[in-house]
Amino acid sequence: MRRKGIFWLKLAVFLCLLAGLMNLTGTLLDSGDDIMQAASALNHLPRNSVDVFWLGTSHFHMGVVPQHLYDAYGITSTMVTGNAIGLIATYWELYEALLRQDPKVVVLDVYPAAAPYCYHYVANAIALGLASEYPDGNTAFNTATGLARWLPLGSPVKPAAIVDLFLTQRIADESVLQIARLHSRYGDIDRSSFRYLWGENRLTQSFGYMYSNETLTEDRINRRAYTQEAALETYENGFFWTFTDEQLDEVRLLDTTVEALDRIVSLCQSRDLPLVLYATPYMANDAERIQFEAVARYCQERGISWVEGPEALASPEFLRDIGHLNHEGAIAHTDFWGQYLQAHYDLPDRRLSDDARYAPWRDNAGSDDQLHTATCLANVFEASEYVRQAATLGEDYLIFVSAEGAMGEGATEALFDLLRDTLGLSSDAFETWRAARDGTFSAIVRGGEVLQARYAAQGLDYTLSLDGFLVRFMGGGGTVQWTVDGARAGHGLEGLSFSVYSLLDESLIQFGTFDMSLPAA
């Protein structure tokens, strides 16, 4: 009997080690690109530091700005979200989050309740439990194993969460084998992958908020007649479904949706935790609106708080696509919630406290503007305007500047003056390049100060040691490449290239190349 007991103990230990190895390998291969990325900050925040959880889907992590909420209202908050995840996964995210935090309020985005009529095929397929409809390597894998990786090793809820997700969402068996599913990423592993593995460069500085400065235009609204088959085949955001009266008469909340909401409600009630249900503003179709009205009735029947959102934010000027707010909309949306939370809950103003628990918000005060500016650079298509916006970034960002090849009509004297006066590019290397208007020039700028600049008539290759890591430029042959601490940070073609690298989370934010052969716009 004793030998049999030892055998089962060894087997259990082996299986635990195997599961842990698979979990770590999947996270390593993801290199931060997993479906639970928006919630990853939560595991690295001080215990009992978060007063509000934003719970649910990308509608929140692209629609609420936690740093702005703190800067303007003194409220600490973070995302407990995942892209297109179902309510069962949300339940387990909340369960895990409550092991480390003691929030005063939980706000749940009920977008998944709109399935199977919503704009995104993922939510439709999850709601209907149709694993066969998932595209290869996508949400079947991301929902179950993505959540599993987000839950820390040793979490007491991890085994139950994985089993529950696999049973309730009928996830295909191959989604367990993330090592095989991510085989194409083996060649992409670098130092940044290991930093992400150990949680050193996760999204703690933005608390899960995902920036976007796009604006929804009519040509990106694809209106189509609804069929369930079409909804399950849609592989992109953007289809706005239209319905017949007969179809709308059949719209009901799924029983599984009600059951999942019941589980979240019960968990909050067991902790005496105020819960607010809410549908984030977006371009909802008629069937989605009917289901949200059903959720409102569900709340009324059970005495649960339901909040009606500001309908004005569902207008195109505040949206990046039909499902998500852009940055302007997110700021206005955050102000709506800041005012609501102050009016309905007794939340302390953490700006008045020097408690170390609130250091992540306090230390990042005002960083929202810089992160926003950096992200907005992606939508700048003229070199001079790019330089003006890049110059507003502070010392938390490196700006890489490089030029390869002959500078043509686009490289005006006004542009050279702008580079010198706003980015601080004043050095012998810069002046030599300005006079030659050819060859390879590279520089690293931080907070208006040139850390290093080099010029070569026919390509250059040099390394700079900066704050404990290496930045390497490689030029010539019509391209310029640069790496930061072994990870590729940019690859500019012939012309004038810029790249913005965030020291906050050790990652590239944006890079692009401007053609200098053509006249400036």
Foldseek 3Di string as FASTA:
>chain_A
DVVVVVVVVVVVVVVLVVLVVQLLLLLLLCLLVAQQQLQLLLVVAAFALAAEEEFEAVQQLAFAFQLLLQQPQLHHYFYLYGHLEALLLRLVSVVLSVVRHDYQEYEYALLLQLPPVWQALSSNLQVVLPQVLDPQLPDLLRHQSVSLSSRDRVRPCNVVSNVVSCVNNVRDPCSSRSCVSSVVSPVQRWPSSVCVSVPNQGDLLRNSRDAAAAFDDPVQAAEDEDDSVVSSNDDDGHYAYDYDPVVLVPQDGDPVSVVSVVSNVVVCVVSVHAYEYEHRAFQHHPSSVVSVVVVVVVCVVVVHHYDYADNVCHDRRQPNHRSYGHPVSSSVRNVVVSVVCVVPHDGDNNVVDPDPSNCSSVVSNPVVVQLNLLLCLQVDQFQLVSLQSVLPHAQQKKKKKKAAAAFAQAPDPVSLVSCCPRLVPDDPQSVVCVVVNGFMKIFIGGNSDTPDIHTDRAWDWDWDQDPHWIWIWTDHPQKIWIAIRGRTQDIEGHAMKMWMAGNNSGHTNDIDGHHRNDHGD
